Amino acid sequence: MAVQRETTRERILEAAEDAFGETGYHETLVDDIAGRTPLSKGGFYFHFPSKEDLFFAVIDRLADHLTRRAKEAADACDSPLAGADAALSEVLTRLGRRRGLAKVLLVQGYSMGLAFEKKRVEIFGQFASVIRGELDRAVEAREIKPTNTEVVARAWLGAVNEIVVNWVYSGTPTPAEALPVLRWVLVGGLERPGSGSEAIREDIDG
């Protein structure tokens, strides 16, 4: 029974993710989401008390997925700074592939007020933790100079947020177009001469 309940919950989350991404939070009705599943409207409310609860569950799911992919990208690298670079690139690339979902994750919840702000801080904290961990290891490996890695990680994510939000509203530059410049400024600027990490700058320049 528990497995079936979790499977049903996942189907609702997938349907809601698609619906919110296509038409936006405010324009999406519970009936629209329920209609994408075998559930009745009553069955929907058994799993989620409200559309707002579902929205936050969708955001959590998206954030967990992005965090996991960023960590996997970082873990696959040979050096900590390359790992931080890979994590940054992964987050921006994933958001850039699905404009509707980027809008859901970064824009549409502001009308919910403080609840969304708290959730946004929590989510960006997850992303920052991955990047900060790689930067801490880069300091230990002497790839970069000692610095406040918490501030650096937050600054990186602030830049990602600005690029994606601007793209959502204006259409340009796309995250793919912005990524090389962003890497050059954010990652290349941290490299320590003689540390052996110049390959990252060469990759960016190339």
C-alpha atoms as a PDB file:
ATOM      1  CA  MET A   1       0.000   0.000   0.000  1.00  0.00           C
ATOM      2  CA  ALA A   2       2.792   2.409   0.900  1.00  0.00           C
ATOM      3  CA  VAL A   3       4.553   1.726  -2.398  1.00  0.00           C
ATOM      4  CA  GLN A   4       1.355   2.332  -4.342  1.00  0.00           C
ATOM      5  CA  ARG A   5       0.748   5.574  -2.461  1.00  0.00           C
ATOM      6  CA  GLU A   6       4.260   6.790  -3.238  1.00  0.00           C
ATOM      7  CA  THR A   7       3.875   5.823  -6.897  1.00  0.00           C
ATOM      8  CA  THR A   8       0.608   7.746  -7.126  1.00  0.00           C
ATOM      9  CA  ARG A   9       2.184  10.737  -5.432  1.00  0.00           C
ATOM     10  CA  GLU A  10       5.019  10.720  -7.952  1.00  0.00           C
ATOM     11  CA  ARG A  11       2.538  10.624 -10.839  1.00  0.00           C
ATOM     12  CA  ILE A  12       0.769  13.661  -9.421  1.00  0.00           C
ATOM     13  CA  LEU A  13       4.066  15.504  -9.029  1.00  0.00           C
ATOM     14  CA  GLU A  14       5.048  14.704 -12.616  1.00  0.00           C
ATOM     15  CA  ALA A  15       1.670  15.872 -13.902  1.00  0.00           C
ATOM     16  CA  ALA A  16       1.860  19.055 -11.841  1.00  0.00           C
ATOM     17  CA  GLU A  17       5.411  19.751 -12.991  1.00  0.00           C
ATOM     18  CA  ASP A  18       4.280  19.536 -16.620  1.00  0.00           C
ATOM     19  CA  ALA A  19       1.167  21.636 -16.022  1.00  0.00           C
ATOM     20  CA  PHE A  20       2.943  24.367 -14.063  1.00  0.00           C
ATOM     21  CA  GLY A  21       5.705  24.449 -16.655  1.00  0.00           C
ATOM     22  CA  GLU A  22       3.229  24.829 -19.520  1.00  0.00           C
ATOM     23  CA  THR A  23       0.678  27.276 -18.134  1.00  0.00           C
ATOM     24  CA  GLY A  24       2.111  28.659 -14.893  1.00  0.00           C
ATOM     25  CA  TYR A  25       1.083  28.242 -11.291  1.00  0.00           C
ATOM     26  CA  HIS A  26      -1.816  30.688 -11.170  1.00  0.00           C
ATOM     27  CA  GLU A  27      -3.326  29.593 -14.479  1.00  0.00           C
ATOM     28  CA  THR A  28      -3.183  25.886 -13.627  1.00  0.00           C
ATOM     29  CA  LEU A  29      -6.289  24.441 -11.984  1.00  0.00           C
ATOM     30  CA  VAL A  30      -6.377  21.376  -9.759  1.00  0.00           C
ATOM     31  CA  ASP A  31      -8.760  19.875 -12.331  1.00  0.00           C
ATOM     32  CA  ASP A  32      -6.070  20.361 -14.992  1.00  0.00           C
ATOM     33  CA  ILE A  33      -3.560  18.404 -12.931  1.00  0.00           C
ATOM     34  CA  ALA A  34      -5.999  15.689 -11.887  1.00  0.00           C
ATOM     35  CA  GLY A  35      -7.001  15.301 -15.537  1.00  0.00           C
ATOM     36  CA  ARG A  36      -3.445  14.270 -16.381  1.00  0.00           C
ATOM     37  CA  THR A  37      -3.680  11.343 -13.945  1.00  0.00           C
ATOM     38  CA  PRO A  38      -6.199   8.524 -13.360  1.00  0.00           C
ATOM     39  CA  LEU A  39      -7.203  10.235 -10.106  1.00  0.00           C
ATOM     40  CA  SER A  40     -10.388  12.076  -9.312  1.00  0.00           C
ATOM     41  CA  LYS A  41     -10.192  15.525  -7.784  1.00  0.00           C
ATOM     42  CA  GLY A  42     -10.936  13.919  -4.420  1.00  0.00           C
ATOM     43  CA  GLY A  43      -8.082  11.494  -4.944  1.00  0.00           C
ATOM     44  CA  PHE A  44      -5.787  14.428  -5.610  1.00  0.00           C
ATOM     45  CA  TYR A  45      -6.698  16.086  -2.318  1.00  0.00           C
ATOM     46  CA  PHE A  46      -5.983  12.837  -0.480  1.00  0.00           C
ATOM     47  CA  HIS A  47      -2.313  13.305  -1.370  1.00  0.00           C
ATOM     48  CA  PHE A  48      -2.058  17.105  -1.379  1.00  0.00           C
ATOM     49  CA  PRO A  49      -4.329  19.340   0.749  1.00  0.00           C
ATOM     50  CA  SER A  50      -4.037  22.281  -1.665  1.00  0.00           C
ATOM     51  CA  LYS A  51      -2.520  23.458  -4.911  1.00  0.00           C
ATOM     52  CA  GLU A  52      -0.009  25.486  -2.906  1.00  0.00           C
ATOM     53  CA  ASP A  53       1.140  22.386  -1.029  1.00  0.00           C
ATOM     54  CA  LEU A  54       1.563  20.629  -4.354  1.00  0.00           C
ATOM     55  CA  PHE A  55       3.511  23.558  -5.789  1.00  0.00           C
ATOM     56  CA  PHE A  56       6.017  23.463  -2.951  1.00  0.00           C
ATOM     57  CA  ALA A  57       6.320  19.681  -3.310  1.00  0.00           C
ATOM     58  CA  VAL A  58       7.087  20.162  -7.009  1.00  0.00           C
ATOM     59  CA  ILE A  59       9.736  22.749  -6.159  1.00  0.00           C
ATOM     60  CA  ASP A  60      11.311  20.408  -3.601  1.00  0.00           C
ATOM     61  CA  ARG A  61      11.397  17.638  -6.182  1.00  0.00           C
ATOM     62  CA  LEU A  62      13.006  19.863  -8.802  1.00  0.00           C
ATOM     63  CA  ALA A  63      15.555  21.191  -6.322  1.00  0.00           C
ATOM     64  CA  ASP A  64      16.484  17.709  -5.115  1.00  0.00           C
ATOM     65  CA  HIS A  65      16.966  16.591  -8.714  1.00  0.00           C
ATOM     66  CA  LEU A  66      19.140  19.598  -9.585  1.00  0.00           C
ATOM     67  CA  THR A  67      21.208  19.236  -6.423  1.00  0.00           C
ATOM     68  CA  ARG A  68      21.787  15.550  -7.090  1.00  0.00           C
ATOM     69  CA  ARG A  69      22.842  16.171 -10.683  1.00  0.00           C
ATOM     70  CA  ALA A  70      25.160  19.002  -9.630  1.00  0.00           C
ATOM     71  CA  LYS A  71      26.794  16.738  -7.033  1.00  0.00           C
ATOM     72  CA  GLU A  72      27.192  13.926  -9.559  1.00  0.00           C
ATOM     73  CA  ALA A  73      28.801  16.329 -12.038  1.00  0.00           C
ATOM     74  CA  ALA A  74      31.205  17.577  -9.369  1.00  0.00           C
ATOM     75  CA  ASP A  75      32.110  14.081  -8.187  1.00  0.00           C
ATOM     76  CA  ALA A  76      33.034  13.059 -11.726  1.00  0.00           C
ATOM     77  CA  CYS A  77      35.782  15.699 -11.944  1.00  0.00           C
ATOM     78  CA  ASP A  78      39.503  15.276 -11.282  1.00  0.00           C
ATOM     79  CA  SER A  79      39.947  18.431  -9.211  1.00  0.00           C
ATOM     80  CA  PRO A  80      37.842  20.411  -6.715  1.00  0.00           C
ATOM     81  CA  LEU A  81      37.783  23.614  -8.771  1.00  0.00           C
ATOM     82  CA  ALA A  82      36.744  21.652 -11.837  1.00  0.00           C
ATOM     83  CA  GLY A  83      34.043  20.114  -9.643  1.00  0.00           C
ATOM     84  CA  ALA A  84      32.740  23.529  -8.638  1.00  0.00           C
ATOM     85  CA  ASP A  85      32.790  24.567 -12.289  1.00  0.00           C
ATOM     86  CA  ALA A  86      30.886  21.412 -13.267  1.00  0.00           C
ATOM     87  CA  ALA A  87      28.273  21.922 -10.551  1.00  0.00           C
ATOM     88  CA  LEU A  88      27.692  25.518 -11.653  1.00  0.00           C
ATOM     89  CA  SER A  89      27.459  24.483 -15.300  1.00  0.00           C
ATOM     90  CA  GLU A  90      25.080  21.626 -14.513  1.00  0.00           C
ATOM     91  CA  VAL A  91      22.602  23.832 -12.642  1.00  0.00           C
ATOM     92  CA  LEU A  92      22.564  26.487 -15.366  1.00  0.00           C
ATOM     93  CA  THR A  93      22.366  23.942 -18.185  1.00  0.00           C
ATOM     94  CA  ARG A  94      19.505  21.999 -16.583  1.00  0.00           C
ATOM     95  CA  LEU A  95      17.492  25.156 -15.973  1.00  0.00           C
ATOM     96  CA  GLY A  96      18.221  26.309 -19.508  1.00  0.00           C
ATOM     97  CA  ARG A  97      16.744  23.178 -21.048  1.00  0.00           C
ATOM     98  CA  ARG A  98      13.292  23.731 -19.547  1.00  0.00           C
ATOM     99  CA  ARG A  99      12.232  27.341 -19.551  1.00  0.00           C
ATOM    100  CA  GLY A 100       8.800  26.686 -18.067  1.00  0.00           C
ATOM    101  CA  LEU A 101      10.228  24.830 -15.107  1.00  0.00           C
ATOM    102  CA  ALA A 102      12.894  27.479 -14.578  1.00  0.00           C
ATOM    103  CA  LYS A 103      10.054  29.965 -14.339  1.00  0.00           C
ATOM    104  CA  VAL A 104       8.268  27.759 -11.802  1.00  0.00           C
ATOM    105  CA  LEU A 105      11.380  27.360  -9.680  1.00  0.00           C
ATOM    106  CA  LEU A 106      12.685  30.915  -9.749  1.00  0.00           C
ATOM    107  CA  VAL A 107       9.829  33.283 -10.567  1.00  0.00           C
ATOM    108  CA  GLN A 108       6.237  32.194 -10.136  1.00  0.00           C
ATOM    109  CA  GLY A 109       6.098  31.749  -6.384  1.00  0.00           C
ATOM    110  CA  TYR A 110       6.800  35.348  -5.431  1.00  0.00           C
ATOM    111  CA  SER A 111       3.102  36.148  -5.141  1.00  0.00           C
ATOM    112  CA  MET A 112       2.985  33.626  -2.272  1.00  0.00           C
ATOM    113  CA  GLY A 113       5.065  35.966  -0.168  1.00  0.00           C
ATOM    114  CA  LEU A 114       7.220  34.840   2.730  1.00  0.00           C
ATOM    115  CA  ALA A 115       6.512  31.126   2.297  1.00  0.00           C
ATOM    116  CA  PHE A 116       8.090  31.129  -1.155  1.00  0.00           C
ATOM    117  CA  GLU A 117      10.987  33.310  -0.017  1.00  0.00           C
ATOM    118  CA  LYS A 118      11.800  30.821   2.741  1.00  0.00           C
ATOM    119  CA  LYS A 119      11.605  27.936   0.301  1.00  0.00           C
ATOM    120  CA  ARG A 120      13.823  29.771  -2.181  1.00  0.00           C
ATOM    121  CA  VAL A 121      16.452  30.397   0.505  1.00  0.00           C
ATOM    122  CA  GLU A 122      16.318  26.715   1.430  1.00  0.00           C
ATOM    123  CA  ILE A 123      16.737  25.587  -2.182  1.00  0.00           C
ATOM    124  CA  PHE A 124      19.613  27.926  -2.943  1.00  0.00           C
ATOM    125  CA  GLY A 125      21.208  26.756   0.280  1.00  0.00           C
ATOM    126  CA  GLN A 126      21.232  23.220  -1.146  1.00  0.00           C
ATOM    127  CA  PHE A 127      22.895  24.381  -4.360  1.00  0.00           C
ATOM    128  CA  ALA A 128      25.365  26.565  -2.467  1.00  0.00           C
ATOM    129  CA  SER A 129      26.346  23.670  -0.217  1.00  0.00           C
ATOM    130  CA  VAL A 130      27.501  21.609  -3.199  1.00  0.00           C
ATOM    131  CA  ILE A 131      29.531  24.451  -4.703  1.00  0.00           C
ATOM    132  CA  ARG A 132      30.930  25.563  -1.340  1.00  0.00           C
ATOM    133  CA  GLY A 133      32.119  22.033  -0.584  1.00  0.00           C
ATOM    134  CA  GLU A 134      34.071  21.900  -3.841  1.00  0.00           C
ATOM    135  CA  LEU A 135      35.520  25.374  -3.256  1.00  0.00           C
ATOM    136  CA  ASP A 136      36.612  24.406   0.267  1.00  0.00           C
ATOM    137  CA  ARG A 137      38.467  21.452  -1.197  1.00  0.00           C
ATOM    138  CA  ALA A 138      39.954  23.706  -3.877  1.00  0.00           C
ATOM    139  CA  VAL A 139      41.368  25.934  -1.129  1.00  0.00           C
ATOM    140  CA  GLU A 140      42.846  22.900   0.628  1.00  0.00           C
ATOM    141  CA  ALA A 141      44.367  21.721  -2.655  1.00  0.00           C
ATOM    142  CA  ARG A 142      45.803  25.234  -3.202  1.00  0.00           C
ATOM    143  CA  GLU A 143      43.941  25.572  -6.485  1.00  0.00           C
ATOM    144  CA  ILE A 144      42.518  28.868  -5.272  1.00  0.00           C
ATOM    145  CA  LYS A 145      43.550  31.366  -2.615  1.00  0.00           C
ATOM    146  CA  PRO A 146      41.902  31.157   0.828  1.00  0.00           C
ATOM    147  CA  THR A 147      38.584  32.967   0.598  1.00  0.00           C
ATOM    148  CA  ASN A 148      35.078  33.037   2.056  1.00  0.00           C
ATOM    149  CA  THR A 149      33.669  30.154   0.056  1.00  0.00           C
ATOM    150  CA  GLU A 150      30.142  30.704   1.380  1.00  0.00           C
ATOM    151  CA  VAL A 151      30.100  34.196  -0.119  1.00  0.00           C
ATOM    152  CA  VAL A 152      31.610  32.960  -3.380  1.00  0.00           C
ATOM    153  CA  ALA A 153      29.079  30.132  -3.699  1.00  0.00           C
ATOM    154  CA  ARG A 154      26.184  32.513  -3.036  1.00  0.00           C
ATOM    155  CA  ALA A 155      27.580  35.027  -5.538  1.00  0.00           C
ATOM    156  CA  TRP A 156      27.803  32.307  -8.187  1.00  0.00           C
ATOM    157  CA  LEU A 157      24.212  31.292  -7.613  1.00  0.00           C
ATOM    158  CA  GLY A 158      23.084  34.905  -7.617  1.00  0.00           C
ATOM    159  CA  ALA A 159      24.606  35.251 -11.070  1.00  0.00           C
ATOM    160  CA  VAL A 160      22.885  32.059 -12.237  1.00  0.00           C
ATOM    161  CA  ASN A 161      19.563  33.311 -10.892  1.00  0.00           C
ATOM    162  CA  GLU A 162      19.914  36.650 -12.673  1.00  0.00           C
ATOM    163  CA  ILE A 163      20.845  35.028 -15.989  1.00  0.00           C
ATOM    164  CA  VAL A 164      17.937  32.575 -15.859  1.00  0.00           C
ATOM    165  CA  VAL A 165      15.308  35.078 -14.694  1.00  0.00           C
ATOM    166  CA  ASN A 166      16.343  37.550 -17.410  1.00  0.00           C
ATOM    167  CA  TRP A 167      16.136  34.762 -20.003  1.00  0.00           C
ATOM    168  CA  VAL A 168      12.685  33.704 -18.772  1.00  0.00           C
ATOM    169  CA  TYR A 169      11.340  37.214 -19.314  1.00  0.00           C
ATOM    170  CA  SER A 170      13.330  38.441 -22.325  1.00  0.00           C
ATOM    171  CA  GLY A 171      14.455  35.285 -24.102  1.00  0.00           C
ATOM    172  CA  THR A 172      18.092  36.418 -24.309  1.00  0.00           C
ATOM    173  CA  PRO A 173      20.787  35.589 -23.659  1.00  0.00           C
ATOM    174  CA  THR A 174      20.003  31.927 -23.294  1.00  0.00           C
ATOM    175  CA  PRO A 175      21.732  30.066 -20.455  1.00  0.00           C
ATOM    176  CA  ALA A 176      23.796  28.206 -23.071  1.00  0.00           C
ATOM    177  CA  GLU A 177      24.979  31.526 -24.523  1.00  0.00           C
ATOM    178  CA  ALA A 178      25.705  32.965 -21.090  1.00  0.00           C
ATOM    179  CA  LEU A 179      27.521  29.950 -19.651  1.00  0.00           C
ATOM    180  CA  PRO A 180      30.990  30.489 -21.240  1.00  0.00           C
ATOM    181  CA  VAL A 181      31.097  34.107 -20.067  1.00  0.00           C
ATOM    182  CA  LEU A 182      29.827  33.163 -16.636  1.00  0.00           C
ATOM    183  CA  ARG A 183      32.467  30.449 -16.275  1.00  0.00           C
ATOM    184  CA  TRP A 184      35.200  32.823 -17.438  1.00  0.00           C
ATOM    185  CA  VAL A 185      34.244  35.473 -14.879  1.00  0.00           C
ATOM    186  CA  LEU A 186      33.315  33.282 -11.913  1.00  0.00           C
ATOM    187  CA  VAL A 187      35.573  30.245 -12.217  1.00  0.00           C
ATOM    188  CA  GLY A 188      38.502  31.663 -14.146  1.00  0.00           C
ATOM    189  CA  GLY A 189      38.776  34.544 -11.708  1.00  0.00           C
ATOM    190  CA  LEU A 190      39.478  32.159  -8.827  1.00  0.00           C
ATOM    191  CA  GLU A 191      42.275  30.145 -10.408  1.00  0.00           C
ATOM    192  CA  ARG A 192      45.615  30.371  -8.673  1.00  0.00           C
ATOM    193  CA  PRO A 193      48.585  30.763 -11.057  1.00  0.00           C
ATOM    194  CA  GLY A 194      50.808  27.715 -10.975  1.00  0.00           C
ATOM    195  CA  SER A 195      48.196  25.567  -9.254  1.00  0.00           C
ATOM    196  CA  GLY A 196      47.718  23.329 -12.262  1.00  0.00           C
ATOM    197  CA  SER A 197      44.101  24.423 -12.659  1.00  0.00           C
ATOM    198  CA  GLU A 198      44.808  26.578 -15.708  1.00  0.00           C
ATOM    199  CA  ALA A 199      43.250  23.833 -17.819  1.00  0.00           C
ATOM    200  CA  ILE A 200      39.857  25.121 -16.735  1.00  0.00           C
ATOM    201  CA  ARG A 201      40.618  28.591 -18.108  1.00  0.00           C
ATOM    202  CA  GLU A 202      41.958  27.032 -21.301  1.00  0.00           C
ATOM    203  CA  ASP A 203      38.761  25.003 -21.626  1.00  0.00           C
ATOM    204  CA  ILE A 204      36.662  28.134 -21.119  1.00  0.00           C
ATOM    205  CA  ASP A 205      38.718  30.179 -23.578  1.00  0.00           C
ATOM    206  CA  GLY A 206      38.707  27.339 -26.098  1.00  0.00           C
END
